[in-house]
Protein backbone atom coordinates (compact mmCIF):
# COMPACT_ATOMS: atom_id res chain seq x y z
CA MET A 1 -64.96 -37.70 24.37
CA ILE A 2 -62.66 -37.03 23.30
CA ILE A 3 -60.27 -39.68 21.25
CA ALA A 4 -56.98 -39.83 20.25
CA ALA A 5 -54.25 -40.95 20.10
CA ALA A 6 -50.58 -39.96 21.47
CA ASP A 7 -47.15 -41.16 20.30
CA GLY A 8 -43.32 -40.31 20.51
CA SER A 9 -40.00 -41.12 18.21
CA SER A 10 -36.29 -41.30 18.84
CA LEU A 11 -34.39 -41.13 15.95
CA SER A 12 -31.42 -43.68 17.18
CA ASN A 13 -33.25 -43.91 20.63
CA PRO A 14 -31.16 -41.24 21.96
CA GLY A 15 -31.78 -39.10 19.13
CA PRO A 16 -33.37 -36.35 17.41
CA THR A 17 -36.96 -36.34 19.30
CA GLY A 18 -40.10 -35.83 18.11
CA TRP A 19 -43.91 -36.68 19.73
CA ALA A 20 -47.27 -35.93 18.37
CA TRP A 21 -50.91 -36.28 19.51
CA PHE A 22 -54.15 -36.79 16.71
CA VAL A 23 -57.58 -36.69 17.26
CA ASP A 24 -58.58 -35.95 13.29
CA GLY A 25 -56.76 -34.11 10.21
CA ASP A 26 -58.54 -31.09 11.93
CA ARG A 27 -57.03 -31.26 15.73
CA TRP A 28 -53.10 -32.97 16.22
CA ARG A 29 -50.36 -31.14 17.04
CA ALA A 30 -46.51 -32.25 16.80
CA GLY A 31 -43.11 -31.56 18.60
CA GLY A 32 -39.94 -32.12 19.40
CA TRP A 33 -36.18 -31.64 20.13
CA LYS A 34 -32.74 -32.44 19.20
CA HIS A 35 -31.56 -35.23 21.27
CA GLY A 36 -33.72 -36.74 23.62
CA THR A 37 -35.39 -40.43 24.15
CA ASN A 38 -38.47 -42.66 22.99
CA ASN A 39 -40.41 -42.09 26.30
CA MET A 40 -39.64 -38.66 26.60
CA GLY A 41 -42.30 -37.84 23.04
CA GLU A 42 -44.29 -40.26 24.59
CA LEU A 43 -44.86 -38.28 27.58
CA MET A 44 -44.69 -35.23 25.61
CA ALA A 45 -47.38 -36.23 23.33
CA VAL A 46 -49.98 -36.59 26.21
CA LEU A 47 -48.69 -33.84 28.09
CA ASP A 48 -49.59 -31.51 25.02
CA LEU A 49 -53.02 -33.30 24.38
CA LEU A 50 -54.11 -32.62 28.09
CA GLU A 51 -52.55 -29.32 28.21
CA GLN A 52 -54.60 -28.29 24.66
CA THR A 53 -58.06 -30.08 25.89
CA ALA A 54 -58.19 -28.38 29.62
CA ASP A 55 -60.63 -26.02 28.33
CA ALA A 56 -62.95 -29.00 26.05
CA GLY A 57 -65.05 -30.28 28.58
CA ASP A 58 -65.48 -34.01 27.13
CA ASP A 59 -63.83 -36.39 28.81
CA LEU A 60 -60.65 -37.85 27.26
CA LEU A 61 -59.85 -41.62 26.16
CA VAL A 62 -55.74 -41.13 25.01
CA TYR A 63 -54.79 -44.63 23.09
CA CYS A 64 -50.49 -45.43 23.74
CA ASP A 65 -48.34 -48.30 22.70
CA SER A 66 -46.06 -46.93 25.08
CA GLN A 67 -45.98 -49.53 28.81
CA TYR A 68 -43.89 -47.49 31.01
CA VAL A 69 -46.46 -43.70 29.25
CA ILE A 70 -49.27 -46.43 30.91
CA ASN A 71 -48.13 -47.32 34.11
CA ALA A 72 -45.73 -44.32 34.23
CA VAL A 73 -49.14 -42.28 34.55
CA THR A 74 -51.89 -44.77 35.77
CA ARG A 75 -50.06 -46.88 38.52
CA TRP A 76 -46.32 -45.33 39.41
CA LEU A 77 -47.24 -41.78 40.04
CA PRO A 78 -49.04 -41.39 43.11
CA GLY A 79 -46.62 -43.40 44.57
CA TRP A 80 -43.63 -40.84 43.42
CA LYS A 81 -45.26 -37.98 44.04
CA ARG A 82 -46.17 -39.67 47.83
CA LYS A 83 -42.29 -40.12 47.79
CA GLY A 84 -40.93 -36.88 46.85
CA TRP A 85 -40.44 -38.49 43.44
CA LYS A 86 -38.07 -40.83 43.94
CA LYS A 87 -38.84 -44.04 42.80
CA ALA A 88 -38.23 -47.21 44.98
CA ASP A 89 -34.65 -47.51 45.52
CA GLY A 90 -33.99 -43.90 45.78
CA LYS A 91 -32.93 -43.13 43.05
CA PRO A 92 -35.46 -40.12 41.47
CA VAL A 93 -37.70 -40.43 38.79
CA LEU A 94 -36.81 -40.17 35.20
CA ASN A 95 -38.13 -36.81 33.62
CA VAL A 96 -39.68 -35.92 36.20
CA GLU A 97 -40.67 -32.56 34.50
CA LEU A 98 -42.52 -33.72 32.27
CA LEU A 99 -44.56 -36.08 35.14
CA GLN A 100 -44.98 -33.45 36.99
CA GLY A 101 -46.74 -30.93 34.94
CA ILE A 102 -49.62 -34.38 33.90
CA ASP A 103 -49.46 -34.68 36.97
CA ALA A 104 -51.00 -30.88 37.55
CA ALA A 105 -53.28 -31.79 33.59
CA LEU A 106 -55.08 -34.48 35.51
CA ALA A 107 -56.30 -32.54 38.52
CA GLY A 108 -60.37 -32.52 37.59
CA ARG A 109 -59.70 -34.32 34.94
CA ARG A 110 -61.81 -37.67 33.37
CA VAL A 111 -58.79 -39.40 31.35
CA THR A 112 -59.15 -43.40 30.16
CA PHE A 113 -55.61 -44.48 29.41
CA GLU A 114 -55.46 -47.32 26.64
CA TRP A 115 -52.14 -49.76 24.69
CA VAL A 116 -52.63 -50.57 21.34
CA LYS A 117 -49.82 -52.49 19.65
CA GLY A 118 -47.18 -49.95 17.60
CA HIS A 119 -47.84 -50.46 13.04
CA ALA A 120 -50.30 -52.46 13.93
CA GLY A 121 -52.79 -50.19 11.86
CA HIS A 122 -54.33 -48.53 14.67
CA GLU A 123 -55.39 -45.70 12.88
CA LEU A 124 -54.87 -43.18 15.09
CA ASN A 125 -52.12 -44.43 16.77
CA GLU A 126 -50.39 -44.55 12.82
CA ALA A 127 -51.41 -41.05 12.49
CA ALA A 128 -50.19 -39.78 15.65
CA ASP A 129 -46.12 -42.02 15.47
CA ALA A 130 -46.83 -40.22 11.15
CA ARG A 131 -46.17 -37.09 12.41
CA ALA A 132 -43.82 -37.46 15.54
CA ARG A 133 -41.06 -39.84 13.13
CA ALA A 134 -41.74 -36.90 10.65
CA ALA A 135 -40.63 -34.33 13.37
CA ALA A 136 -38.28 -35.49 14.83
CA THR A 137 -36.88 -36.19 11.43
CA ALA A 138 -37.28 -32.50 10.61
CA PHE A 139 -34.88 -32.22 13.91
CA GLN A 140 -32.34 -34.70 12.87
CA ARG A 141 -32.29 -32.76 9.29
CA GLY A 142 -32.17 -29.01 10.57
CA LEU A 143 -35.65 -28.18 8.70
CA PRO A 144 -39.17 -26.32 10.35
CA VAL A 145 -41.13 -28.52 12.45
CA ASP A 146 -45.40 -29.23 11.23
CA GLU A 147 -46.31 -27.80 14.51
CA GLY A 148 -50.09 -28.76 13.29
CA PRO A 149 -52.76 -26.49 13.82
CA GLY A 150 -53.90 -27.75 17.89
CA PHE A 151 -56.87 -28.64 18.94
CA GLY A 152 -60.11 -27.00 17.43
CA PRO A 153 -59.28 -23.68 15.09
CA ASP A 154 -57.55 -21.51 17.59
CA ALA A 155 -56.17 -23.70 19.81
CA ALA A 156 -52.85 -24.20 18.44
CA GLY A 157 -50.40 -21.93 20.97
CA ALA A 158 -53.22 -20.94 22.73
CA GLY A 159 -54.09 -21.69 26.96
CA THR A 160 -50.98 -23.45 26.96
CA ARG A 161 -47.30 -23.45 27.27
CA ASP A 162 -44.08 -23.05 24.92
CA VAL A 163 -42.85 -26.88 24.08
CA ARG A 164 -41.19 -25.50 21.39
CA PRO A 165 -37.10 -26.92 21.92
CA GLY A 166 -35.02 -25.79 24.95
CA VAL A 167 -38.21 -24.97 27.03
CA VAL A 168 -38.03 -28.79 28.44
CA PRO A 169 -34.42 -28.71 29.57
CA GLU A 170 -32.64 -30.96 27.14
CA PRO A 171 -30.26 -33.18 29.41
CA ASP A 172 -26.73 -34.61 28.58
CA LEU A 173 -25.74 -37.68 26.48
CA LEU A 174 -25.84 -39.84 29.86
CA ASP A 175 -29.52 -39.02 31.67
CA VAL A 176 -30.49 -39.67 28.69
CA ALA A 177 -29.38 -43.04 27.76
CA LEU A 178 -30.32 -43.60 31.78
CA ASP A 179 -33.71 -42.88 30.70
CA SER A 180 -33.43 -44.80 27.60
CA ALA A 181 -32.07 -47.94 29.66
CA SER A 182 -33.99 -47.09 33.39
CA SER A 183 -38.10 -46.05 32.04
CA ALA A 184 -37.88 -48.43 28.74
CA ASP A 185 -40.90 -50.55 27.75
CA ALA A 186 -42.14 -53.22 29.80
CA ALA A 187 -44.26 -56.00 28.08
CA ASP A 188 -48.13 -55.75 26.47
CA PRO A 189 -51.00 -56.76 28.24
CA THR A 190 -50.50 -60.01 26.17
CA GLY A 191 -46.92 -61.44 27.71
CA SER A 192 -45.35 -60.91 24.79
CA ALA A 193 -42.91 -58.30 23.72
CA ARG A 194 -42.85 -55.48 22.41
CA GLN A 195 -42.31 -54.95 18.98
CA PRO A 196 -38.72 -53.13 17.75
CA ASP A 197 -40.37 -49.68 15.52
CA SER A 198 -38.74 -47.76 13.59
CA THR A 199 -37.79 -44.97 17.02
CA GLY A 200 -35.11 -47.93 17.42
CA SER A 201 -36.83 -49.87 20.54
CA ALA A 202 -35.74 -53.19 21.50
CA GLY A 203 -37.42 -56.15 20.08
CA SER A 204 -35.85 -59.44 19.66
CA ASN A 205 -32.68 -60.46 17.95
CA GLN A 206 -32.31 -56.76 16.62
CA LYS A 207 -28.93 -55.97 15.23
CA ILE A 208 -27.32 -52.74 15.10
CA SER A 209 -24.23 -53.16 13.41
CA ALA A 210 -20.70 -50.47 13.57
CA GLY A 211 -21.45 -47.88 11.25
CA GLU A 212 -24.60 -47.22 11.45
CA ASP A 213 -26.48 -44.30 13.23
CA ALA A 214 -28.20 -46.08 15.42
CA GLU A 215 -26.92 -46.52 19.09
CA HIS A 216 -28.47 -48.32 21.76
CA ALA A 217 -28.60 -46.48 25.60
CA VAL A 218 -25.93 -48.84 26.57
CA VAL A 219 -23.24 -48.55 24.62
CA ALA A 220 -23.25 -44.72 25.90
CA LEU A 221 -23.27 -45.90 29.80
CA GLN A 222 -20.53 -48.55 28.71
CA ARG A 223 -18.98 -45.16 27.34
CA ALA A 224 -19.77 -43.85 30.70
CA LEU A 225 -17.89 -46.51 32.21
CA LEU A 226 -13.92 -45.73 30.76
CA THR A 227 -14.22 -41.93 32.32
CA ASP A 228 -12.24 -41.20 35.39
CA GLU A 229 -14.64 -39.25 36.79
CA VAL A 230 -17.18 -42.40 37.19
CA ARG A 231 -13.47 -44.91 37.79
CA ARG A 232 -12.84 -42.79 40.58
CA ASP A 233 -16.48 -43.19 41.70
CA ARG A 234 -16.62 -46.71 42.71
CA ASP A 235 -20.58 -46.43 44.47
CA ALA A 236 -21.07 -44.82 40.50
CA TYR A 237 -19.98 -47.73 39.05
CA ALA A 238 -21.14 -50.43 41.16
CA ALA A 239 -24.52 -48.42 40.68
CA HIS A 240 -24.27 -49.78 36.88
CA LEU A 241 -22.84 -53.24 37.41
CA HIS A 242 -25.33 -56.38 38.19
CA PRO A 243 -24.88 -58.04 41.51
CA ARG A 244 -23.56 -61.16 40.10
CA PHE A 245 -21.42 -59.55 37.62
CA VAL A 246 -18.39 -61.16 36.33
CA GLU A 247 -15.13 -60.15 34.45
CA HIS A 248 -12.59 -61.89 32.33
CA ASP A 249 -9.56 -59.73 32.34
CA ALA A 250 -6.81 -59.55 29.69
CA LYS A 251 -5.10 -61.52 30.94
CA GLY A 252 -7.69 -64.00 32.37
CA ARG A 253 -8.39 -63.45 35.87
CA ILE A 254 -12.17 -63.87 37.02
CA SER A 255 -13.31 -61.64 39.68
CA GLY A 256 -16.53 -60.63 40.68
CA LYS A 257 -17.71 -57.82 41.00
CA GLY A 258 -16.88 -56.62 45.06
CA ARG A 259 -13.33 -58.40 43.75
CA PHE A 260 -13.25 -55.57 40.80
CA LEU A 261 -14.78 -52.67 42.62
CA ALA A 262 -11.50 -53.55 44.92
CA THR A 263 -9.57 -52.14 42.57
CA LEU A 264 -11.08 -50.38 40.83
CA ALA A 265 -8.95 -47.09 39.66
CA PRO A 266 -8.71 -44.59 36.36
CA LEU A 267 -7.46 -46.11 33.55
CA PRO A 268 -3.52 -45.68 32.29
CA ASP A 269 -4.28 -43.66 29.38
CA PRO A 270 -7.26 -42.14 27.91
CA THR A 271 -8.96 -44.80 26.16
CA ARG A 272 -12.02 -44.28 23.31
CA LEU A 273 -14.78 -46.95 22.63
CA GLU A 274 -15.38 -47.79 19.27
CA VAL A 275 -18.03 -49.85 18.88
CA GLU A 276 -17.82 -53.29 16.88
CA GLY A 277 -21.28 -54.02 17.00
CA VAL A 278 -24.57 -54.86 19.13
CA ASP A 279 -26.73 -57.48 19.64
CA GLU A 280 -30.07 -57.20 21.34
CA LEU A 281 -30.70 -60.48 22.16
CA ALA A 282 -33.86 -59.54 23.53
CA PRO A 283 -35.32 -56.54 24.73
CA TRP A 284 -33.67 -56.99 28.02
CA ILE A 285 -30.35 -58.61 27.18
CA VAL A 286 -27.96 -56.53 24.99
CA HIS A 287 -24.47 -58.41 23.38
CA VAL A 288 -21.98 -55.18 23.09
CA ARG A 289 -18.58 -55.79 20.87
CA TRP A 290 -16.50 -53.37 21.19
CA ARG A 291 -12.89 -51.70 21.33
CA ALA A 292 -11.14 -50.36 24.07
CA ARG A 293 -8.44 -48.61 22.61
CA SER A 294 -5.67 -46.50 24.28
CA ALA A 295 -2.59 -45.20 23.17
CA ALA A 296 -0.89 -47.85 24.64
CA THR A 297 -3.09 -50.68 24.54
CA VAL A 298 -5.95 -52.08 22.85
CA THR A 299 -8.07 -54.79 23.63
CA LEU A 300 -11.94 -56.66 22.15
CA ARG A 301 -14.60 -56.02 24.43
CA SER A 302 -17.68 -58.72 24.74
CA SER A 303 -20.07 -57.15 27.37
CA ILE A 304 -23.24 -58.42 27.96
CA TRP A 305 -25.92 -55.99 29.47
CA VAL A 306 -29.39 -57.16 30.89
CA LYS A 307 -32.37 -55.30 32.62
CA HIS A 308 -32.49 -55.44 36.53
CA ASP A 309 -35.30 -53.69 38.66
CA ASP A 310 -35.89 -51.57 35.46
CA THR A 311 -32.14 -50.35 35.41
CA TRP A 312 -29.58 -51.56 32.88
CA ARG A 313 -26.81 -53.52 34.19
CA LEU A 314 -23.60 -54.62 33.36
CA ARG A 315 -23.46 -58.21 33.90
CA PHE A 316 -20.54 -59.88 32.19
CA GLU A 317 -17.36 -58.43 30.40
CA GLN A 318 -14.46 -60.19 28.76
CA ALA A 319 -11.53 -58.48 27.64
CA THR A 320 -9.27 -60.13 25.07
CA PRO A 321 -6.08 -58.86 23.50
CA THR A 322 -5.58 -57.58 19.97
CA ALA A 323 -3.43 -56.36 17.64
CA ARG A 324 -3.66 -52.39 17.12
């Protein structure tokens, strides 16, 4: 049996992204993209491991610290495939090209996936994580990536598709944000929340202050809600709102989701989002403090985002007029 660990790392999540799998010092491989998510890296690590070991003829045990990957591959994938790669709500499955590649690579294989806690001293997981982070850091700094030897002396780059940057299309910022939010890892099998790691994964009371490099996925979603394109499409905007959404606007008026959407329109002037701070109160609750700045007005905003049906939804927003 081949025993390996697969891991991904995204600096800021989304941001420069690396992936890696590790069997031993002579058999490992890494790669990544300039911009992606942790989930993309985790999936790519599994896909490349499957492809590199395809001709080995041995059973494969894969250690992953990502509940998203394990659930996607062992539980959700068959249903998504039957439904034409659509989720239960009818929306397209995210990272579909990677998932379809994994589905094809699993055919005829005996593969077992086992969850391990990240950053807890598991030797193979730590080795894969270190190489994934090194790849992400290399993309961040514009340096060459150490891709590793692959599986076996002649395996690196042989018998597999090219997985260098650009071969797997890099999604735009909103797509990456949606992936980071919608496909975020679930709780671990013990029922405790996954601990924060160096890739920016959600963790209890993790704080990201203004001016730091990290940007939580909900910030990109919040920024998208200011654009004319989204504000002209009420269905698109509504998809980002929690069913029990409430707004306290700058004039003290209180609106629920229906009333808010009824008056939705493009903003009078182009408006810029300026982050004051992001507080991860729990893996499923994020508080964003920000300013909406236009040529005419500035308001201080407080927004609460929560996980609802595995998707980040805006639950509450309050606006307070402030001096420029």
